[in-house]
């Protein structure tokens, strides 16, 4: 197994290389497709169709945005967590989908990236739905580990031989400190997921925003301490800012 870490549009891309095929640990941004194709065909000198499986850890633009397009281009399969409902469902879900795309574009602007088309379908159509502890199709060394909190369906991907795990957005590294992601829709589940990963005593963690890291007990404790007690969502943040603005106007 060879793990290739690429610099994506706004996140790290983790591409796993085996002789029999390639595994993409997350669905990336739509803007990452050309770079991913270039790396596979030019750097690895393999056909793009060697991409065998794309895992979508959750539905945000930098984790699901390229999945459907990659399947259309390469014939790969898509795997994600087993759920009964779409994440972006109903009218509010569509608004949230648009909000998340705009937020991803804002992050790209802060990083000095050129504007790109980030649109993707709000409804994922996976080929495989995974439950906690289930091995990935075609890649039995890897297991899906349920780690919700950021959303209701987050999964992490454990490479059993190395005891390293891709944890997606379970935490974010900013200025050499680890902080919870934004948003957190399910704060209680988030803390349970943190403890679950801590207790696994892993060799290393691979972050979507921070690369390969190793967290100490004190760093896990800090994360748990600063994790929100109430949901932190775009709607809640907007309401709080609106209330503060109204108070300032009245004052």
C-alpha atoms as a PDB file:
ATOM      1  CA  UNK A   1       0.000   0.000   0.000  1.00  0.00           C
ATOM      2  CA  UNK A   2       1.266   3.454  -0.933  1.00  0.00           C
ATOM      3  CA  UNK A   3      -0.503   6.509   0.442  1.00  0.00           C
ATOM      4  CA  UNK A   4      -0.245   9.649  -1.677  1.00  0.00           C
ATOM      5  CA  UNK A   5      -1.173  12.958  -0.075  1.00  0.00           C
ATOM      6  CA  UNK A   6      -2.070  15.674  -2.598  1.00  0.00           C
ATOM      7  CA  UNK A   7      -2.858  19.314  -2.068  1.00  0.00           C
ATOM      8  CA  UNK A   8      -6.506  19.746  -2.959  1.00  0.00           C
ATOM      9  CA  UNK A   9      -8.523  22.867  -3.655  1.00  0.00           C
ATOM     10  CA  UNK A  10      -9.276  23.489   0.029  1.00  0.00           C
ATOM     11  CA  UNK A  11      -8.386  20.152   1.675  1.00  0.00           C
ATOM     12  CA  UNK A  12      -5.840  17.336   1.668  1.00  0.00           C
ATOM     13  CA  UNK A  13      -6.488  14.521  -0.805  1.00  0.00           C
ATOM     14  CA  UNK A  14      -5.517  10.989   0.215  1.00  0.00           C
ATOM     15  CA  UNK A  15      -5.107   8.539  -2.654  1.00  0.00           C
ATOM     16  CA  UNK A  16      -4.166   4.957  -1.811  1.00  0.00           C
ATOM     17  CA  UNK A  17      -2.304   2.959  -4.433  1.00  0.00           C
ATOM     18  CA  UNK A  18      -2.394  -0.823  -4.786  1.00  0.00           C
ATOM     19  CA  UNK A  19      -1.311  -2.884  -7.791  1.00  0.00           C
ATOM     20  CA  UNK A  20      -4.924  -3.945  -8.348  1.00  0.00           C
ATOM     21  CA  UNK A  21      -6.481  -0.470  -8.099  1.00  0.00           C
ATOM     22  CA  UNK A  22      -6.687   2.934  -6.477  1.00  0.00           C
ATOM     23  CA  UNK A  23      -8.724   3.969  -3.441  1.00  0.00           C
ATOM     24  CA  UNK A  24      -9.710   7.601  -2.826  1.00  0.00           C
ATOM     25  CA  UNK A  25     -10.335   8.207   0.871  1.00  0.00           C
ATOM     26  CA  UNK A  26     -12.838  11.006   0.280  1.00  0.00           C
ATOM     27  CA  UNK A  27     -14.934  12.514  -2.488  1.00  0.00           C
ATOM     28  CA  UNK A  28     -12.926  15.783  -2.763  1.00  0.00           C
ATOM     29  CA  UNK A  29     -14.137  19.012  -4.376  1.00  0.00           C
ATOM     30  CA  UNK A  30     -15.409  19.136  -7.915  1.00  0.00           C
ATOM     31  CA  UNK A  31     -12.453  21.468  -8.546  1.00  0.00           C
ATOM     32  CA  UNK A  32     -10.007  18.657  -7.675  1.00  0.00           C
ATOM     33  CA  UNK A  33     -10.892  16.345 -10.559  1.00  0.00           C
ATOM     34  CA  UNK A  34      -8.328  17.653 -13.074  1.00  0.00           C
ATOM     35  CA  UNK A  35      -5.471  17.526 -10.559  1.00  0.00           C
ATOM     36  CA  UNK A  36      -6.447  14.031  -9.487  1.00  0.00           C
ATOM     37  CA  UNK A  37      -6.548  12.868 -13.099  1.00  0.00           C
ATOM     38  CA  UNK A  38      -3.160  14.488 -13.805  1.00  0.00           C
ATOM     39  CA  UNK A  39      -1.565  12.807 -10.798  1.00  0.00           C
ATOM     40  CA  UNK A  40      -2.907   9.353 -11.665  1.00  0.00           C
ATOM     41  CA  UNK A  41      -2.112   9.478 -15.364  1.00  0.00           C
ATOM     42  CA  UNK A  42       1.139  11.485 -15.308  1.00  0.00           C
ATOM     43  CA  UNK A  43       2.762  10.856 -11.925  1.00  0.00           C
ATOM     44  CA  UNK A  44       1.580   7.285 -11.344  1.00  0.00           C
ATOM     45  CA  UNK A  45       1.435   6.466 -15.080  1.00  0.00           C
ATOM     46  CA  UNK A  46      -1.793   4.567 -14.632  1.00  0.00           C
ATOM     47  CA  UNK A  47      -5.096   4.882 -16.496  1.00  0.00           C
ATOM     48  CA  UNK A  48      -7.691   7.080 -14.801  1.00  0.00           C
ATOM     49  CA  UNK A  49      -9.987   4.051 -14.819  1.00  0.00           C
ATOM     50  CA  UNK A  50      -7.716   2.402 -12.217  1.00  0.00           C
ATOM     51  CA  UNK A  51      -9.602   4.487  -9.656  1.00  0.00           C
ATOM     52  CA  UNK A  52     -11.686   1.689  -8.195  1.00  0.00           C
ATOM     53  CA  UNK A  53     -13.421   3.081  -5.119  1.00  0.00           C
ATOM     54  CA  UNK A  54     -14.257   6.557  -3.780  1.00  0.00           C
ATOM     55  CA  UNK A  55     -15.428   6.823  -0.188  1.00  0.00           C
ATOM     56  CA  UNK A  56     -17.577   9.797   0.837  1.00  0.00           C
ATOM     57  CA  UNK A  57     -17.139  10.412   4.569  1.00  0.00           C
ATOM     58  CA  UNK A  58     -19.879  13.057   4.683  1.00  0.00           C
ATOM     59  CA  UNK A  59     -21.747  15.337   2.307  1.00  0.00           C
ATOM     60  CA  UNK A  60     -19.825  18.639   2.449  1.00  0.00           C
ATOM     61  CA  UNK A  61     -18.447  20.106  -0.826  1.00  0.00           C
ATOM     62  CA  UNK A  62     -14.818  19.141  -0.143  1.00  0.00           C
ATOM     63  CA  UNK A  63     -15.748  15.549   0.741  1.00  0.00           C
ATOM     64  CA  UNK A  64     -18.513  14.665  -1.722  1.00  0.00           C
ATOM     65  CA  UNK A  65     -18.185  17.234  -4.495  1.00  0.00           C
ATOM     66  CA  UNK A  66     -16.305  15.108  -7.042  1.00  0.00           C
ATOM     67  CA  UNK A  67     -17.784  11.673  -6.307  1.00  0.00           C
ATOM     68  CA  UNK A  68     -20.510  11.445  -8.941  1.00  0.00           C
ATOM     69  CA  UNK A  69     -18.344  13.027 -11.639  1.00  0.00           C
ATOM     70  CA  UNK A  70     -15.452  10.669 -10.879  1.00  0.00           C
ATOM     71  CA  UNK A  71     -17.792   7.689 -11.223  1.00  0.00           C
ATOM     72  CA  UNK A  72     -18.981   8.970 -14.598  1.00  0.00           C
ATOM     73  CA  UNK A  73     -15.385   9.504 -15.789  1.00  0.00           C
ATOM     74  CA  UNK A  74     -13.711   6.354 -14.450  1.00  0.00           C
ATOM     75  CA  UNK A  75     -16.396   3.791 -13.716  1.00  0.00           C
ATOM     76  CA  UNK A  76     -15.367   3.703 -10.036  1.00  0.00           C
ATOM     77  CA  UNK A  77     -17.795   2.777  -7.274  1.00  0.00           C
ATOM     78  CA  UNK A  78     -18.900   5.067  -4.421  1.00  0.00           C
ATOM     79  CA  UNK A  79     -19.174   4.000  -0.784  1.00  0.00           C
ATOM     80  CA  UNK A  80     -20.599   5.974   2.127  1.00  0.00           C
ATOM     81  CA  UNK A  81     -22.271   5.467   5.502  1.00  0.00           C
ATOM     82  CA  UNK A  82     -25.546   3.583   5.611  1.00  0.00           C
ATOM     83  CA  UNK A  83     -28.320   6.125   6.228  1.00  0.00           C
ATOM     84  CA  UNK A  84     -32.061   6.228   5.678  1.00  0.00           C
ATOM     85  CA  UNK A  85     -32.343   9.883   4.623  1.00  0.00           C
ATOM     86  CA  UNK A  86     -30.404  12.314   2.447  1.00  0.00           C
ATOM     87  CA  UNK A  87     -28.368  14.897   4.370  1.00  0.00           C
ATOM     88  CA  UNK A  88     -29.570  17.808   2.212  1.00  0.00           C
ATOM     89  CA  UNK A  89     -33.254  16.953   2.251  1.00  0.00           C
ATOM     90  CA  UNK A  90     -36.235  19.229   1.857  1.00  0.00           C
ATOM     91  CA  UNK A  91     -36.259  22.981   1.365  1.00  0.00           C
ATOM     92  CA  UNK A  92     -33.994  23.691   4.353  1.00  0.00           C
ATOM     93  CA  UNK A  93     -31.595  21.063   3.101  1.00  0.00           C
ATOM     94  CA  UNK A  94     -31.290  22.755  -0.263  1.00  0.00           C
ATOM     95  CA  UNK A  95     -30.583  26.080   1.463  1.00  0.00           C
ATOM     96  CA  UNK A  96     -27.932  24.372   3.582  1.00  0.00           C
ATOM     97  CA  UNK A  97     -26.393  22.844   0.455  1.00  0.00           C
ATOM     98  CA  UNK A  98     -26.072  26.279  -1.128  1.00  0.00           C
ATOM     99  CA  UNK A  99     -24.688  27.692   2.118  1.00  0.00           C
ATOM    100  CA  UNK A 100     -22.030  24.983   2.302  1.00  0.00           C
ATOM    101  CA  UNK A 101     -20.962  25.606  -1.298  1.00  0.00           C
ATOM    102  CA  UNK A 102     -20.690  29.346  -0.600  1.00  0.00           C
ATOM    103  CA  UNK A 103     -18.698  28.610   2.562  1.00  0.00           C
ATOM    104  CA  UNK A 104     -16.303  26.388   0.591  1.00  0.00           C
ATOM    105  CA  UNK A 105     -15.875  29.170  -1.978  1.00  0.00           C
ATOM    106  CA  UNK A 106     -15.162  31.647   0.837  1.00  0.00           C
ATOM    107  CA  UNK A 107     -12.491  29.331   2.278  1.00  0.00           C
ATOM    108  CA  UNK A 108     -10.918  29.014  -1.168  1.00  0.00           C
ATOM    109  CA  UNK A 109     -10.815  32.808  -1.436  1.00  0.00           C
ATOM    110  CA  UNK A 110      -9.109  33.050   1.950  1.00  0.00           C
ATOM    111  CA  UNK A 111      -6.528  30.556   0.700  1.00  0.00           C
ATOM    112  CA  UNK A 112      -5.916  32.633  -2.426  1.00  0.00           C
ATOM    113  CA  UNK A 113      -7.344  30.006  -4.776  1.00  0.00           C
ATOM    114  CA  UNK A 114      -8.933  30.972  -8.095  1.00  0.00           C
ATOM    115  CA  UNK A 115     -12.701  30.735  -8.357  1.00  0.00           C
ATOM    116  CA  UNK A 116     -13.921  27.311  -9.467  1.00  0.00           C
ATOM    117  CA  UNK A 117     -17.238  25.623 -10.090  1.00  0.00           C
ATOM    118  CA  UNK A 118     -18.051  23.757  -6.854  1.00  0.00           C
ATOM    119  CA  UNK A 119     -21.583  22.673  -7.683  1.00  0.00           C
ATOM    120  CA  UNK A 120     -22.472  19.017  -7.039  1.00  0.00           C
ATOM    121  CA  UNK A 121     -25.634  17.025  -6.458  1.00  0.00           C
ATOM    122  CA  UNK A 122     -27.092  17.396  -2.948  1.00  0.00           C
ATOM    123  CA  UNK A 123     -28.222  13.766  -3.064  1.00  0.00           C
ATOM    124  CA  UNK A 124     -25.519  11.108  -3.067  1.00  0.00           C
ATOM    125  CA  UNK A 125     -26.238   7.830  -4.846  1.00  0.00           C
ATOM    126  CA  UNK A 126     -23.709   5.371  -3.398  1.00  0.00           C
ATOM    127  CA  UNK A 127     -23.048   1.885  -4.726  1.00  0.00           C
ATOM    128  CA  UNK A 128     -22.205   0.612  -1.246  1.00  0.00           C
ATOM    129  CA  UNK A 129     -23.581   1.670   2.157  1.00  0.00           C
ATOM    130  CA  UNK A 130     -21.273   0.871   5.059  1.00  0.00           C
ATOM    131  CA  UNK A 131     -21.991   0.170   8.719  1.00  0.00           C
ATOM    132  CA  UNK A 132     -19.595   0.654  11.618  1.00  0.00           C
ATOM    133  CA  UNK A 133     -16.663  -1.761  11.404  1.00  0.00           C
ATOM    134  CA  UNK A 134     -17.422  -2.977   7.879  1.00  0.00           C
ATOM    135  CA  UNK A 135     -14.520  -3.613   5.498  1.00  0.00           C
ATOM    136  CA  UNK A 136     -14.354  -1.483   2.370  1.00  0.00           C
ATOM    137  CA  UNK A 137     -15.329  -3.190  -0.883  1.00  0.00           C
ATOM    138  CA  UNK A 138     -12.232  -4.306  -2.866  1.00  0.00           C
ATOM    139  CA  UNK A 139      -9.902  -3.088  -0.082  1.00  0.00           C
ATOM    140  CA  UNK A 140     -10.308  -5.434   2.888  1.00  0.00           C
ATOM    141  CA  UNK A 141      -7.394  -3.865   4.819  1.00  0.00           C
ATOM    142  CA  UNK A 142      -9.602  -0.817   5.392  1.00  0.00           C
ATOM    143  CA  UNK A 143     -12.609  -0.512   7.685  1.00  0.00           C
ATOM    144  CA  UNK A 144     -15.307   2.144   7.993  1.00  0.00           C
ATOM    145  CA  UNK A 145     -15.562   3.526  11.535  1.00  0.00           C
ATOM    146  CA  UNK A 146     -18.630   5.561  12.505  1.00  0.00           C
ATOM    147  CA  UNK A 147     -17.598   8.979  13.918  1.00  0.00           C
ATOM    148  CA  UNK A 148     -20.665  11.267  13.760  1.00  0.00           C
ATOM    149  CA  UNK A 149     -20.981  14.725  15.263  1.00  0.00           C
ATOM    150  CA  UNK A 150     -19.806  17.065  12.532  1.00  0.00           C
ATOM    151  CA  UNK A 151     -22.836  15.697  10.686  1.00  0.00           C
ATOM    152  CA  UNK A 152     -25.035  12.693  11.432  1.00  0.00           C
ATOM    153  CA  UNK A 153     -23.214  10.347   9.039  1.00  0.00           C
ATOM    154  CA  UNK A 154     -19.472  10.949   9.306  1.00  0.00           C
ATOM    155  CA  UNK A 155     -17.236   7.936   8.919  1.00  0.00           C
ATOM    156  CA  UNK A 156     -13.493   7.533   9.382  1.00  0.00           C
ATOM    157  CA  UNK A 157     -11.373   5.019   7.488  1.00  0.00           C
ATOM    158  CA  UNK A 158      -9.056   2.711   9.420  1.00  0.00           C
ATOM    159  CA  UNK A 159      -6.074   1.035   7.760  1.00  0.00           C
ATOM    160  CA  UNK A 160      -5.780  -1.981  10.029  1.00  0.00           C
ATOM    161  CA  UNK A 161      -2.193  -3.118   9.258  1.00  0.00           C
ATOM    162  CA  UNK A 162      -0.700   0.302  10.103  1.00  0.00           C
ATOM    163  CA  UNK A 163      -3.311   1.322  12.689  1.00  0.00           C
ATOM    164  CA  UNK A 164      -3.566   4.726  11.014  1.00  0.00           C
ATOM    165  CA  UNK A 165      -6.929   6.305  10.314  1.00  0.00           C
ATOM    166  CA  UNK A 166      -8.318   8.997   8.041  1.00  0.00           C
ATOM    167  CA  UNK A 167     -10.685  10.999  10.265  1.00  0.00           C
ATOM    168  CA  UNK A 168     -11.812  13.598   7.702  1.00  0.00           C
ATOM    169  CA  UNK A 169     -13.181  16.611   9.652  1.00  0.00           C
ATOM    170  CA  UNK A 170     -13.249  15.108  13.145  1.00  0.00           C
ATOM    171  CA  UNK A 171     -10.759  17.828  14.047  1.00  0.00           C
ATOM    172  CA  UNK A 172      -8.968  20.676  12.269  1.00  0.00           C
ATOM    173  CA  UNK A 173      -5.383  21.800  12.749  1.00  0.00           C
ATOM    174  CA  UNK A 174      -5.040  25.588  12.863  1.00  0.00           C
ATOM    175  CA  UNK A 175      -1.779  27.294  13.879  1.00  0.00           C
ATOM    176  CA  UNK A 176      -0.478  24.087  15.470  1.00  0.00           C
ATOM    177  CA  UNK A 177      -3.597  23.680  17.625  1.00  0.00           C
ATOM    178  CA  UNK A 178      -6.371  21.155  17.194  1.00  0.00           C
ATOM    179  CA  UNK A 179      -9.895  22.513  17.258  1.00  0.00           C
ATOM    180  CA  UNK A 180     -13.359  21.092  16.555  1.00  0.00           C
ATOM    181  CA  UNK A 181     -14.694  21.614  13.033  1.00  0.00           C
ATOM    182  CA  UNK A 182     -17.490  23.955  12.027  1.00  0.00           C
ATOM    183  CA  UNK A 183     -20.311  23.083  11.923  1.00  0.00           C
ATOM    184  CA  UNK A 184     -21.100  20.556  14.646  1.00  0.00           C
ATOM    185  CA  UNK A 185     -24.705  19.443  14.333  1.00  0.00           C
ATOM    186  CA  UNK A 186     -24.600  16.773  17.038  1.00  0.00           C
ATOM    187  CA  UNK A 187     -22.329  17.861  19.918  1.00  0.00           C
ATOM    188  CA  UNK A 188     -23.039  14.851  22.138  1.00  0.00           C
ATOM    189  CA  UNK A 189     -22.208  12.418  19.352  1.00  0.00           C
ATOM    190  CA  UNK A 190     -19.115  14.452  18.545  1.00  0.00           C
ATOM    191  CA  UNK A 191     -17.684  13.975  22.045  1.00  0.00           C
ATOM    192  CA  UNK A 192     -18.422  10.250  21.896  1.00  0.00           C
ATOM    193  CA  UNK A 193     -16.573  10.058  18.570  1.00  0.00           C
ATOM    194  CA  UNK A 194     -13.562  11.863  20.042  1.00  0.00           C
ATOM    195  CA  UNK A 195     -13.375   9.403  22.923  1.00  0.00           C
ATOM    196  CA  UNK A 196     -13.811   6.487  20.536  1.00  0.00           C
ATOM    197  CA  UNK A 197     -10.856   7.574  18.404  1.00  0.00           C
ATOM    198  CA  UNK A 198      -8.732   8.381  21.465  1.00  0.00           C
ATOM    199  CA  UNK A 199      -9.353   4.930  22.955  1.00  0.00           C
ATOM    200  CA  UNK A 200      -8.287   3.213  19.726  1.00  0.00           C
ATOM    201  CA  UNK A 201      -4.666   4.233  20.499  1.00  0.00           C
ATOM    202  CA  UNK A 202      -3.846   4.695  16.820  1.00  0.00           C
ATOM    203  CA  UNK A 203      -0.397   5.187  15.330  1.00  0.00           C
ATOM    204  CA  UNK A 204      -1.418   8.336  13.449  1.00  0.00           C
ATOM    205  CA  UNK A 205      -4.439  10.260  12.205  1.00  0.00           C
ATOM    206  CA  UNK A 206      -4.875  11.688   8.719  1.00  0.00           C
ATOM    207  CA  UNK A 207      -6.834  14.944   8.702  1.00  0.00           C
ATOM    208  CA  UNK A 208      -8.627  16.524   5.768  1.00  0.00           C
ATOM    209  CA  UNK A 209      -7.367  19.857   7.074  1.00  0.00           C
ATOM    210  CA  UNK A 210      -3.998  19.307   8.710  1.00  0.00           C
ATOM    211  CA  UNK A 211      -2.231  16.287   7.197  1.00  0.00           C
ATOM    212  CA  UNK A 212      -0.806  13.422   9.250  1.00  0.00           C
ATOM    213  CA  UNK A 213      -0.823  14.073  13.006  1.00  0.00           C
ATOM    214  CA  UNK A 214      -0.432  12.328  16.346  1.00  0.00           C
ATOM    215  CA  UNK A 215      -2.520  13.619  19.239  1.00  0.00           C
ATOM    216  CA  UNK A 216      -1.496  13.325  22.860  1.00  0.00           C
ATOM    217  CA  UNK A 217      -3.915  12.600  25.704  1.00  0.00           C
ATOM    218  CA  UNK A 218      -3.806  16.276  26.657  1.00  0.00           C
ATOM    219  CA  UNK A 219      -4.689  17.342  23.108  1.00  0.00           C
ATOM    220  CA  UNK A 220      -7.677  14.992  23.049  1.00  0.00           C
ATOM    221  CA  UNK A 221      -8.695  16.376  26.446  1.00  0.00           C
ATOM    222  CA  UNK A 222      -8.417  19.936  25.117  1.00  0.00           C
ATOM    223  CA  UNK A 223     -10.597  19.063  22.125  1.00  0.00           C
ATOM    224  CA  UNK A 224     -13.225  17.554  24.382  1.00  0.00           C
ATOM    225  CA  UNK A 225     -13.143  20.598  26.656  1.00  0.00           C
ATOM    226  CA  UNK A 226     -13.584  23.169  23.884  1.00  0.00           C
ATOM    227  CA  UNK A 227     -16.143  21.114  21.947  1.00  0.00           C
ATOM    228  CA  UNK A 228     -19.514  22.918  21.930  1.00  0.00           C
ATOM    229  CA  UNK A 229     -22.330  21.813  24.190  1.00  0.00           C
ATOM    230  CA  UNK A 230     -24.964  23.110  21.800  1.00  0.00           C
ATOM    231  CA  UNK A 231     -25.120  22.629  18.032  1.00  0.00           C
ATOM    232  CA  UNK A 232     -22.966  25.055  16.044  1.00  0.00           C
ATOM    233  CA  UNK A 233     -24.568  25.400  12.634  1.00  0.00           C
ATOM    234  CA  UNK A 234     -24.713  28.090   9.937  1.00  0.00           C
ATOM    235  CA  UNK A 235     -28.304  28.923  10.935  1.00  0.00           C
ATOM    236  CA  UNK A 236     -27.450  29.286  14.614  1.00  0.00           C
ATOM    237  CA  UNK A 237     -24.365  31.392  13.840  1.00  0.00           C
ATOM    238  CA  UNK A 238     -26.427  33.680  11.591  1.00  0.00           C
ATOM    239  CA  UNK A 239     -29.116  34.121  14.262  1.00  0.00           C
ATOM    240  CA  UNK A 240     -26.511  35.000  16.906  1.00  0.00           C
ATOM    241  CA  UNK A 241     -24.868  37.574  14.632  1.00  0.00           C
ATOM    242  CA  UNK A 242     -28.254  39.064  13.768  1.00  0.00           C
ATOM    243  CA  UNK A 243     -29.156  39.406  17.453  1.00  0.00           C
ATOM    244  CA  UNK A 244     -25.818  41.066  18.231  1.00  0.00           C
ATOM    245  CA  UNK A 245     -26.298  43.464  15.305  1.00  0.00           C
ATOM    246  CA  UNK A 246     -29.805  44.394  16.500  1.00  0.00           C
ATOM    247  CA  UNK A 247     -28.538  44.990  20.019  1.00  0.00           C
ATOM    248  CA  UNK A 248     -25.781  47.233  18.733  1.00  0.00           C
ATOM    249  CA  UNK A 249     -28.312  49.235  16.705  1.00  0.00           C
ATOM    250  CA  UNK A 250     -30.567  49.662  19.720  1.00  0.00           C
ATOM    251  CA  UNK A 251     -27.634  50.700  21.875  1.00  0.00           C
END
